Amino acid sequence: MTTVTLTMPKPLRANDDLVVIPRKEYESLKARAVPEYTPTAAERRAIARARKNFAAGKTISLAQLKDDLARRGR
């Protein structure tokens, strides 16, 4: 049998809960709770283009966007 040593943080408050689960189970829960997103090549290019436009100050306000979308919907 192996010995396991746990170090508990000192500032654990009375209303804080502490849960101990195996690492594999934790990784499984984490993967389901916060799935990792990997953009496609086209999405990476679009993100890079958007960042470049933002850095250059090529932006519009939310009001302008709403007006443009409203006009296109007619």
PDB file of N, CA and C in Angstrom:
ATOM      1  N   MET A   1       0.841  -1.176   0.000  1.00  0.00           N
ATOM      2  CA  MET A   1       0.000   0.000   0.000  1.00  0.00           C
ATOM      3  C   MET A   1       0.890   1.246   0.000  1.00  0.00           C
ATOM      4  N   THR A   2       0.517   2.233  -0.814  1.00  0.00           N
ATOM      5  CA  THR A   2       1.297   3.458  -0.890  1.00  0.00           C
ATOM      6  C   THR A   2       0.717   4.515   0.029  1.00  0.00           C
ATOM      7  N   THR A   3       1.555   5.434   0.454  1.00  0.00           N
ATOM      8  CA  THR A   3       1.136   6.524   1.317  1.00  0.00           C
ATOM      9  C   THR A   3       0.949   7.769   0.468  1.00  0.00           C
ATOM     10  N   VAL A   4      -0.169   8.444   0.657  1.00  0.00           N
ATOM     11  CA  VAL A   4      -0.469   9.665  -0.082  1.00  0.00           C
ATOM     12  C   VAL A   4      -0.500  10.817   0.914  1.00  0.00           C
ATOM     13  N   THR A   5       0.212  11.885   0.587  1.00  0.00           N
ATOM     14  CA  THR A   5       0.228  13.069   1.431  1.00  0.00           C
ATOM     15  C   THR A   5      -0.530  14.189   0.735  1.00  0.00           C
ATOM     16  N   LEU A   6      -1.460  14.805   1.435  1.00  0.00           N
ATOM     17  CA  LEU A   6      -2.237  15.922   0.901  1.00  0.00           C
ATOM     18  C   LEU A   6      -1.875  17.183   1.660  1.00  0.00           C
ATOM     19  N   THR A   7      -1.730  18.286   0.960  1.00  0.00           N
ATOM     20  CA  THR A   7      -1.499  19.580   1.590  1.00  0.00           C
ATOM     21  C   THR A   7      -2.752  20.410   1.404  1.00  0.00           C
ATOM     22  N   MET A   8      -3.324  20.845   2.500  1.00  0.00           N
ATOM     23  CA  MET A   8      -4.561  21.619   2.447  1.00  0.00           C
ATOM     24  C   MET A   8      -4.221  23.097   2.585  1.00  0.00           C
ATOM     25  N   PRO A   9      -4.863  23.952   1.804  1.00  0.00           N
ATOM     26  CA  PRO A   9      -4.614  25.386   1.946  1.00  0.00           C
ATOM     27  C   PRO A   9      -5.141  25.888   3.290  1.00  0.00           C
ATOM     28  N   LYS A  10      -4.396  26.761   3.932  1.00  0.00           N
ATOM     29  CA  LYS A  10      -4.787  27.285   5.247  1.00  0.00           C
ATOM     30  C   LYS A  10      -6.063  28.122   5.196  1.00  0.00           C
ATOM     31  N   PRO A  11      -6.215  29.047   4.221  1.00  0.00           N
ATOM     32  CA  PRO A  11      -7.379  29.935   4.282  1.00  0.00           C
ATOM     33  C   PRO A  11      -8.688  29.303   3.815  1.00  0.00           C
ATOM     34  N   LEU A  12      -8.915  28.029   4.103  1.00  0.00           N
ATOM     35  CA  LEU A  12     -10.170  27.382   3.749  1.00  0.00           C
ATOM     36  C   LEU A  12     -11.251  27.910   4.686  1.00  0.00           C
ATOM     37  N   ARG A  13     -12.257  28.569   4.135  1.00  0.00           N
ATOM     38  CA  ARG A  13     -13.313  29.164   4.950  1.00  0.00           C
ATOM     39  C   ARG A  13     -14.335  28.110   5.351  1.00  0.00           C
ATOM     40  N   ALA A  14     -15.099  28.420   6.363  1.00  0.00           N
ATOM     41  CA  ALA A  14     -16.074  27.470   6.892  1.00  0.00           C
ATOM     42  C   ALA A  14     -17.136  27.098   5.859  1.00  0.00           C
ATOM     43  N   ASN A  15     -17.491  28.046   4.968  1.00  0.00           N
ATOM     44  CA  ASN A  15     -18.545  27.757   3.987  1.00  0.00           C
ATOM     45  C   ASN A  15     -17.997  27.199   2.675  1.00  0.00           C
ATOM     46  N   ASP A  16     -16.675  26.999   2.583  1.00  0.00           N
ATOM     47  CA  ASP A  16     -16.087  26.413   1.376  1.00  0.00           C
ATOM     48  C   ASP A  16     -16.198  24.884   1.433  1.00  0.00           C
ATOM     49  N   ASP A  17     -16.470  24.308   0.284  1.00  0.00           N
ATOM     50  CA  ASP A  17     -16.514  22.851   0.187  1.00  0.00           C
ATOM     51  C   ASP A  17     -15.219  22.364  -0.431  1.00  0.00           C
ATOM     52  N   LEU A  18     -14.782  21.217  -0.019  1.00  0.00           N
ATOM     53  CA  LEU A  18     -13.596  20.603  -0.576  1.00  0.00           C
ATOM     54  C   LEU A  18     -13.981  19.210  -1.035  1.00  0.00           C
ATOM     55  N   VAL A  19     -13.709  18.911  -2.301  1.00  0.00           N
ATOM     56  CA  VAL A  19     -14.058  17.622  -2.866  1.00  0.00           C
ATOM     57  C   VAL A  19     -12.790  16.967  -3.388  1.00  0.00           C
ATOM     58  N   VAL A  20     -12.591  15.727  -3.046  1.00  0.00           N
ATOM     59  CA  VAL A  20     -11.431  14.982  -3.517  1.00  0.00           C
ATOM     60  C   VAL A  20     -11.923  13.863  -4.426  1.00  0.00           C
ATOM     61  N   ILE A  21     -11.449  13.901  -5.678  1.00  0.00           N
ATOM     62  CA  ILE A  21     -11.819  12.857  -6.639  1.00  0.00           C
ATOM     63  C   ILE A  21     -10.561  12.427  -7.385  1.00  0.00           C
ATOM     64  N   PRO A  22     -10.568  11.248  -7.970  1.00  0.00           N
ATOM     65  CA  PRO A  22      -9.407  10.809  -8.749  1.00  0.00           C
ATOM     66  C   PRO A  22      -9.160  11.723  -9.953  1.00  0.00           C
ATOM     67  N   ARG A  23      -7.898  11.873 -10.341  1.00  0.00           N
ATOM     68  CA  ARG A  23      -7.527  12.770 -11.441  1.00  0.00           C
ATOM     69  C   ARG A  23      -8.250  12.413 -12.736  1.00  0.00           C
ATOM     70  N   LYS A  24      -8.376  11.134 -13.070  1.00  0.00           N
ATOM     71  CA  LYS A  24      -9.057  10.742 -14.315  1.00  0.00           C
ATOM     72  C   LYS A  24     -10.503  11.220 -14.319  1.00  0.00           C
ATOM     73  N   GLU A  25     -11.160  11.085 -13.176  1.00  0.00           N
ATOM     74  CA  GLU A  25     -12.545  11.551 -13.088  1.00  0.00           C
ATOM     75  C   GLU A  25     -12.604  13.068 -13.209  1.00  0.00           C
ATOM     76  N   TYR A  26     -11.663  13.771 -12.571  1.00  0.00           N
ATOM     77  CA  TYR A  26     -11.599  15.231 -12.677  1.00  0.00           C
ATOM     78  C   TYR A  26     -11.397  15.670 -14.126  1.00  0.00           C
ATOM     79  N   GLU A  27     -10.455  15.030 -14.821  1.00  0.00           N
ATOM     80  CA  GLU A  27     -10.192  15.374 -16.225  1.00  0.00           C
ATOM     81  C   GLU A  27     -11.426  15.124 -17.081  1.00  0.00           C
ATOM     82  N   SER A  28     -12.141  14.043 -16.806  1.00  0.00           N
ATOM     83  CA  SER A  28     -13.360  13.728 -17.555  1.00  0.00           C
ATOM     84  C   SER A  28     -14.431  14.791 -17.313  1.00  0.00           C
ATOM     85  N   LEU A  29     -14.611  15.187 -16.054  1.00  0.00           N
ATOM     86  CA  LEU A  29     -15.591  16.237 -15.728  1.00  0.00           C
ATOM     87  C   LEU A  29     -15.212  17.558 -16.378  1.00  0.00           C
ATOM     88  N   LYS A  30     -13.928  17.885 -16.312  1.00  0.00           N
ATOM     89  CA  LYS A  30     -13.455  19.144 -16.893  1.00  0.00           C
ATOM     90  C   LYS A  30     -13.668  19.160 -18.400  1.00  0.00           C
ATOM     91  N   ALA A  31     -13.405  18.042 -19.064  1.00  0.00           N
ATOM     92  CA  ALA A  31     -13.581  17.970 -20.515  1.00  0.00           C
ATOM     93  C   ALA A  31     -15.043  18.152 -20.913  1.00  0.00           C
ATOM     94  N   ARG A  32     -15.941  17.623 -20.108  1.00  0.00           N
ATOM     95  CA  ARG A  32     -17.368  17.760 -20.420  1.00  0.00           C
ATOM     96  C   ARG A  32     -17.892  19.146 -20.058  1.00  0.00           C
ATOM     97  N   ALA A  33     -17.356  19.750 -19.024  1.00  0.00           N
ATOM     98  CA  ALA A  33     -17.842  21.048 -18.565  1.00  0.00           C
ATOM     99  C   ALA A  33     -17.346  22.182 -19.448  1.00  0.00           C
ATOM    100  N   VAL A  34     -16.093  22.108 -19.879  1.00  0.00           N
ATOM    101  CA  VAL A  34     -15.489  23.159 -20.688  1.00  0.00           C
ATOM    102  C   VAL A  34     -14.814  22.498 -21.889  1.00  0.00           C
ATOM    103  N   PRO A  35     -15.585  22.219 -22.922  1.00  0.00           N
ATOM    104  CA  PRO A  35     -14.975  21.556 -24.085  1.00  0.00           C
ATOM    105  C   PRO A  35     -13.967  22.467 -24.778  1.00  0.00           C
ATOM    106  N   GLU A  36     -12.911  21.878 -25.258  1.00  0.00           N
ATOM    107  CA  GLU A  36     -11.885  22.649 -25.953  1.00  0.00           C
ATOM    108  C   GLU A  36     -12.344  22.915 -27.383  1.00  0.00           C
ATOM    109  N   TYR A  37     -12.105  24.122 -27.853  1.00  0.00           N
ATOM    110  CA  TYR A  37     -12.512  24.511 -29.200  1.00  0.00           C
ATOM    111  C   TYR A  37     -11.267  24.741 -30.037  1.00  0.00           C
ATOM    112  N   THR A  38     -11.205  24.102 -31.179  1.00  0.00           N
ATOM    113  CA  THR A  38     -10.096  24.289 -32.102  1.00  0.00           C
ATOM    114  C   THR A  38     -10.665  24.864 -33.397  1.00  0.00           C
ATOM    115  N   PRO A  39     -10.312  26.111 -33.705  1.00  0.00           N
ATOM    116  CA  PRO A  39     -10.854  26.711 -34.932  1.00  0.00           C
ATOM    117  C   PRO A  39     -10.268  26.070 -36.184  1.00  0.00           C
ATOM    118  N   THR A  40     -11.039  26.126 -37.254  1.00  0.00           N
ATOM    119  CA  THR A  40     -10.569  25.624 -38.540  1.00  0.00           C
ATOM    120  C   THR A  40      -9.574  26.627 -39.120  1.00  0.00           C
ATOM    121  N   ALA A  41      -8.913  26.247 -40.194  1.00  0.00           N
ATOM    122  CA  ALA A  41      -7.953  27.148 -40.844  1.00  0.00           C
ATOM    123  C   ALA A  41      -8.641  28.436 -41.311  1.00  0.00           C
ATOM    124  N   ALA A  42      -9.834  28.304 -41.873  1.00  0.00           N
ATOM    125  CA  ALA A  42     -10.575  29.480 -42.338  1.00  0.00           C
ATOM    126  C   ALA A  42     -10.936  30.387 -41.167  1.00  0.00           C
ATOM    127  N   GLU A  43     -11.322  29.785 -40.040  1.00  0.00           N
ATOM    128  CA  GLU A  43     -11.667  30.582 -38.864  1.00  0.00           C
ATOM    129  C   GLU A  43     -10.433  31.285 -38.297  1.00  0.00           C
ATOM    130  N   ARG A  44      -9.283  30.606 -38.314  1.00  0.00           N
ATOM    131  CA  ARG A  44      -8.039  31.241 -37.846  1.00  0.00           C
ATOM    132  C   ARG A  44      -7.687  32.439 -38.719  1.00  0.00           C
ATOM    133  N   ARG A  45      -7.872  32.314 -40.027  1.00  0.00           N
ATOM    134  CA  ARG A  45      -7.608  33.441 -40.929  1.00  0.00           C
ATOM    135  C   ARG A  45      -8.577  34.590 -40.648  1.00  0.00           C
ATOM    136  N   ALA A  46      -9.851  34.266 -40.435  1.00  0.00           N
ATOM    137  CA  ALA A  46     -10.855  35.303 -40.150  1.00  0.00           C
ATOM    138  C   ALA A  46     -10.547  36.011 -38.827  1.00  0.00           C
ATOM    139  N   ILE A  47     -10.107  35.268 -37.837  1.00  0.00           N
ATOM    140  CA  ILE A  47      -9.747  35.862 -36.550  1.00  0.00           C
ATOM    141  C   ILE A  47      -8.549  36.788 -36.713  1.00  0.00           C
ATOM    142  N   ALA A  48      -7.556  36.343 -37.466  1.00  0.00           N
ATOM    143  CA  ALA A  48      -6.366  37.175 -37.700  1.00  0.00           C
ATOM    144  C   ALA A  48      -6.741  38.462 -38.427  1.00  0.00           C
ATOM    145  N   ARG A  49      -7.623  38.349 -39.431  1.00  0.00           N
ATOM    146  CA  ARG A  49      -8.077  39.525 -40.174  1.00  0.00           C
ATOM    147  C   ARG A  49      -8.849  40.475 -39.266  1.00  0.00           C
ATOM    148  N   ALA A  50      -9.691  39.924 -38.398  1.00  0.00           N
ATOM    149  CA  ALA A  50     -10.471  40.746 -37.468  1.00  0.00           C
ATOM    150  C   ALA A  50      -9.556  41.466 -36.483  1.00  0.00           C
ATOM    151  N   ARG A  51      -8.543  40.772 -35.987  1.00  0.00           N
ATOM    152  CA  ARG A  51      -7.609  41.412 -35.052  1.00  0.00           C
ATOM    153  C   ARG A  51      -6.840  42.541 -35.741  1.00  0.00           C
ATOM    154  N   LYS A  52      -6.462  42.318 -36.995  1.00  0.00           N
ATOM    155  CA  LYS A  52      -5.741  43.347 -37.751  1.00  0.00           C
ATOM    156  C   LYS A  52      -6.638  44.567 -37.967  1.00  0.00           C
ATOM    157  N   ASN A  53      -7.889  44.336 -38.336  1.00  0.00           N
ATOM    158  CA  ASN A  53      -8.834  45.441 -38.528  1.00  0.00           C
ATOM    159  C   ASN A  53      -9.081  46.190 -37.223  1.00  0.00           C
ATOM    160  N   PHE A  54      -9.194  45.461 -36.120  1.00  0.00           N
ATOM    161  CA  PHE A  54      -9.421  46.099 -34.823  1.00  0.00           C
ATOM    162  C   PHE A  54      -8.219  46.959 -34.438  1.00  0.00           C
ATOM    163  N   ALA A  55      -7.015  46.440 -34.647  1.00  0.00           N
ATOM    164  CA  ALA A  55      -5.801  47.196 -34.316  1.00  0.00           C
ATOM    165  C   ALA A  55      -5.695  48.463 -35.164  1.00  0.00           C
ATOM    166  N   ALA A  56      -6.207  48.394 -36.394  1.00  0.00           N
ATOM    167  CA  ALA A  56      -6.164  49.553 -37.285  1.00  0.00           C
ATOM    168  C   ALA A  56      -7.308  50.530 -37.012  1.00  0.00           C
ATOM    169  N   GLY A  57      -8.177  50.191 -36.071  1.00  0.00           N
ATOM    170  CA  GLY A  57      -9.283  51.082 -35.733  1.00  0.00           C
ATOM    171  C   GLY A  57     -10.468  50.972 -36.660  1.00  0.00           C
ATOM    172  N   LYS A  58     -10.498  49.929 -37.470  1.00  0.00           N
ATOM    173  CA  LYS A  58     -11.615  49.733 -38.405  1.00  0.00           C
ATOM    174  C   LYS A  58     -12.755  49.018 -37.680  1.00  0.00           C
ATOM    175  N   THR A  59     -13.501  49.780 -36.910  1.00  0.00           N
ATOM    176  CA  THR A  59     -14.619  49.223 -36.152  1.00  0.00           C
ATOM    177  C   THR A  59     -15.849  50.089 -36.352  1.00  0.00           C
ATOM    178  N   ILE A  60     -17.003  49.532 -35.995  1.00  0.00           N
ATOM    179  CA  ILE A  60     -18.239  50.302 -36.001  1.00  0.00           C
ATOM    180  C   ILE A  60     -18.892  50.121 -34.635  1.00  0.00           C
ATOM    181  N   SER A  61     -19.761  51.034 -34.283  1.00  0.00           N
ATOM    182  CA  SER A  61     -20.446  50.946 -32.999  1.00  0.00           C
ATOM    183  C   SER A  61     -21.579  49.923 -33.085  1.00  0.00           C
ATOM    184  N   LEU A  62     -22.064  49.514 -31.929  1.00  0.00           N
ATOM    185  CA  LEU A  62     -23.191  48.590 -31.892  1.00  0.00           C
ATOM    186  C   LEU A  62     -24.428  49.219 -32.531  1.00  0.00           C
ATOM    187  N   ALA A  63     -24.628  50.502 -32.318  1.00  0.00           N
ATOM    188  CA  ALA A  63     -25.776  51.198 -32.912  1.00  0.00           C
ATOM    189  C   ALA A  63     -25.690  51.165 -34.439  1.00  0.00           C
ATOM    190  N   GLN A  64     -24.476  51.387 -34.980  1.00  0.00           N
ATOM    191  CA  GLN A  64     -24.305  51.331 -36.435  1.00  0.00           C
ATOM    192  C   GLN A  64     -24.601  49.932 -36.963  1.00  0.00           C
ATOM    193  N   LEU A  65     -24.137  48.916 -36.253  1.00  0.00           N
ATOM    194  CA  LEU A  65     -24.388  47.536 -36.673  1.00  0.00           C
ATOM    195  C   LEU A  65     -25.881  47.249 -36.688  1.00  0.00           C
ATOM    196  N   LYS A  66     -26.573  47.655 -35.631  1.00  0.00           N
ATOM    197  CA  LYS A  66     -28.020  47.429 -35.559  1.00  0.00           C
ATOM    198  C   LYS A  66     -28.740  48.145 -36.696  1.00  0.00           C
ATOM    199  N   ASP A  67     -28.349  49.385 -36.997  1.00  0.00           N
ATOM    200  CA  ASP A  67     -28.965  50.129 -38.080  1.00  0.00           C
ATOM    201  C   ASP A  67     -28.731  49.432 -39.426  1.00  0.00           C
ATOM    202  N   ASP A  68     -27.488  48.997 -39.663  1.00  0.00           N
ATOM    203  CA  ASP A  68     -27.165  48.305 -40.925  1.00  0.00           C
ATOM    204  C   ASP A  68     -27.964  47.015 -41.065  1.00  0.00           C
ATOM    205  N   LEU A  69     -28.063  46.254 -39.986  1.00  0.00           N
ATOM    206  CA  LEU A  69     -28.821  45.001 -40.046  1.00  0.00           C
ATOM    207  C   LEU A  69     -30.312  45.267 -40.238  1.00  0.00           C
ATOM    208  N   ALA A  70     -30.814  46.323 -39.631  1.00  0.00           N
ATOM    209  CA  ALA A  70     -32.230  46.650 -39.778  1.00  0.00           C
ATOM    210  C   ALA A  70     -32.521  47.048 -41.232  1.00  0.00           C
ATOM    211  N   ARG A  71     -31.616  47.831 -41.830  1.00  0.00           N
ATOM    212  CA  ARG A  71     -31.806  48.246 -43.228  1.00  0.00           C
ATOM    213  C   ARG A  71     -31.766  47.038 -44.168  1.00  0.00           C
ATOM    214  N   ARG A  72     -30.876  46.113 -43.911  1.00  0.00           N
ATOM    215  CA  ARG A  72     -30.754  44.919 -44.773  1.00  0.00           C
ATOM    216  C   ARG A  72     -31.953  44.002 -44.649  1.00  0.00           C
ATOM    217  N   GLY A  73     -32.604  44.030 -43.485  1.00  0.00           N
ATOM    218  CA  GLY A  73     -33.762  43.163 -43.257  1.00  0.00           C
ATOM    219  C   GLY A  73     -35.012  43.621 -43.965  1.00  0.00           C
ATOM    220  N   ARG A  74     -35.024  44.855 -44.446  1.00  0.00           N
ATOM    221  CA  ARG A  74     -36.219  45.399 -45.103  1.00  0.00           C
ATOM    222  C   ARG A  74     -36.336  44.954 -46.517  1.00  0.00           C
TER     223      ARG A  74
END
